[in-house]
C-alpha atoms as a PDB file:
ATOM      1  CA  MET A   1     -18.270  -9.053 -17.551  1.00  0.00           C
ATOM      2  CA  GLU A   2     -16.120  -9.978 -14.521  1.00  0.00           C
ATOM      3  CA  ASN A   3     -17.720  -9.730 -11.161  1.00  0.00           C
ATOM      4  CA  VAL A   4     -15.957  -7.888  -8.327  1.00  0.00           C
ATOM      5  CA  CYS A   5     -16.738  -8.128  -4.552  1.00  0.00           C
ATOM      6  CA  LEU A   6     -15.858  -4.986  -2.553  1.00  0.00           C
ATOM      7  CA  ILE A   7     -15.865  -4.902   1.154  1.00  0.00           C
ATOM      8  CA  ASP A   8     -15.148  -1.852   3.409  1.00  0.00           C
ATOM      9  CA  ASP A   9     -16.981  -0.453   6.324  1.00  0.00           C
ATOM     10  CA  GLU A  10     -16.479   3.308   5.009  1.00  0.00           C
ATOM     11  CA  PRO A  11     -19.226   4.183   2.737  1.00  0.00           C
ATOM     12  CA  GLY A  12     -17.161   6.835   0.996  1.00  0.00           C
ATOM     13  CA  VAL A  13     -14.341   4.309  -0.010  1.00  0.00           C
ATOM     14  CA  VAL A  14     -17.083   1.896  -1.128  1.00  0.00           C
ATOM     15  CA  ASP A  15     -18.717   4.479  -3.412  1.00  0.00           C
ATOM     16  CA  MET A  16     -15.321   5.836  -4.770  1.00  0.00           C
ATOM     17  CA  CYS A  17     -14.082   2.268  -5.465  1.00  0.00           C
ATOM     18  CA  SER A  18     -17.526   1.077  -6.982  1.00  0.00           C
ATOM     19  CA  ASP A  19     -17.726   4.157  -9.285  1.00  0.00           C
ATOM     20  CA  PHE A  20     -14.084   3.445 -10.400  1.00  0.00           C
ATOM     21  CA  LEU A  21     -14.402  -0.215 -10.945  1.00  0.00           C
ATOM     22  CA  GLY A  22     -17.930  -0.174 -12.214  1.00  0.00           C
ATOM     23  CA  THR A  23     -16.929   1.286 -15.487  1.00  0.00           C
ATOM     24  CA  ASN A  24     -15.096  -2.174 -16.432  1.00  0.00           C
ATOM     25  CA  TYR A  25     -16.525  -4.708 -13.941  1.00  0.00           C
ATOM     26  CA  GLN A  26     -19.957  -5.735 -12.361  1.00  0.00           C
ATOM     27  CA  VAL A  27     -19.269  -4.580  -8.531  1.00  0.00           C
ATOM     28  CA  ARG A  28     -21.290  -5.833  -5.639  1.00  0.00           C
ATOM     29  CA  SER A  29     -20.404  -4.017  -2.412  1.00  0.00           C
ATOM     30  CA  PHE A  30     -20.752  -4.868   1.146  1.00  0.00           C
ATOM     31  CA  HIS A  31     -20.286  -2.684   4.267  1.00  0.00           C
ATOM     32  CA  SER A  32     -19.096  -5.593   6.605  1.00  0.00           C
ATOM     33  CA  ALA A  33     -17.555  -8.960   6.344  1.00  0.00           C
ATOM     34  CA  GLU A  34     -20.683 -10.545   7.706  1.00  0.00           C
ATOM     35  CA  GLU A  35     -22.764  -9.150   4.828  1.00  0.00           C
ATOM     36  CA  ALA A  36     -20.331 -10.573   2.404  1.00  0.00           C
ATOM     37  CA  ILE A  37     -20.374 -13.996   4.063  1.00  0.00           C
ATOM     38  CA  GLN A  38     -24.134 -14.082   3.795  1.00  0.00           C
ATOM     39  CA  ALA A  39     -23.932 -13.453   0.129  1.00  0.00           C
ATOM     40  CA  PHE A  40     -21.237 -16.179  -0.407  1.00  0.00           C
ATOM     41  CA  ASP A  41     -23.369 -18.512   1.565  1.00  0.00           C
ATOM     42  CA  GLN A  42     -26.188 -17.910  -0.954  1.00  0.00           C
ATOM     43  CA  ASP A  43     -23.800 -18.850  -3.978  1.00  0.00           C
ATOM     44  CA  TYR A  44     -22.396 -15.572  -4.749  1.00  0.00           C
ATOM     45  CA  GLN A  45     -19.110 -16.328  -6.584  1.00  0.00           C
ATOM     46  CA  PRO A  46     -17.137 -13.226  -7.722  1.00  0.00           C
ATOM     47  CA  SER A  47     -13.908 -13.384  -9.768  1.00  0.00           C
ATOM     48  CA  VAL A  48     -12.135 -11.030  -7.401  1.00  0.00           C
ATOM     49  CA  VAL A  49     -12.599  -9.999  -3.742  1.00  0.00           C
ATOM     50  CA  ILE A  50     -11.255  -6.627  -2.506  1.00  0.00           C
ATOM     51  CA  THR A  51     -11.640  -5.853   1.099  1.00  0.00           C
ATOM     52  CA  ASP A  52     -10.448  -3.482   3.878  1.00  0.00           C
ATOM     53  CA  ILE A  53      -8.146  -4.965   6.287  1.00  0.00           C
ATOM     54  CA  LYS A  54      -9.279  -3.048   9.426  1.00  0.00           C
ATOM     55  CA  MET A  55     -13.028  -3.473  10.013  1.00  0.00           C
ATOM     56  CA  PRO A  56     -15.343  -3.799  13.084  1.00  0.00           C
ATOM     57  CA  GLY A  57     -16.344  -7.293  13.826  1.00  0.00           C
ATOM     58  CA  MET A  58     -14.181  -9.212  11.569  1.00  0.00           C
ATOM     59  CA  THR A  59     -10.876  -7.998   9.868  1.00  0.00           C
ATOM     60  CA  GLY A  60     -10.213  -8.475   6.111  1.00  0.00           C
ATOM     61  CA  LEU A  61      -7.832 -11.210   6.958  1.00  0.00           C
ATOM     62  CA  GLU A  62     -10.291 -13.168   8.892  1.00  0.00           C
ATOM     63  CA  LEU A  63     -12.761 -12.952   6.098  1.00  0.00           C
ATOM     64  CA  ALA A  64     -10.331 -14.127   3.680  1.00  0.00           C
ATOM     65  CA  HIS A  65      -9.512 -17.177   5.843  1.00  0.00           C
ATOM     66  CA  LYS A  66     -13.185 -17.986   6.290  1.00  0.00           C
ATOM     67  CA  LEU A  67     -13.868 -17.656   2.595  1.00  0.00           C
ATOM     68  CA  ASN A  68     -10.972 -19.778   1.503  1.00  0.00           C
ATOM     69  CA  GLU A  69     -12.046 -22.398   4.094  1.00  0.00           C
ATOM     70  CA  ARG A  70     -15.711 -22.517   2.808  1.00  0.00           C
ATOM     71  CA  HIS A  71     -14.784 -22.448  -1.029  1.00  0.00           C
ATOM     72  CA  GLN A  72     -11.854 -24.945  -1.312  1.00  0.00           C
END
């Protein structure tokens, strides 16, 4: 089963997307970019990353750049 990483600071969005995607994919969700980075640092390697763009602390675009730098 494919592994999907879902990152959004709004719990309702995370729940809705997790429920929808969870029927066909293994979903691991995070409520901040920093939480997701910690998981990636511990060798979490999803097939797909879905992230919100506007989040407190670090935007989804900043997260994408950081993950790309770390996993090239």
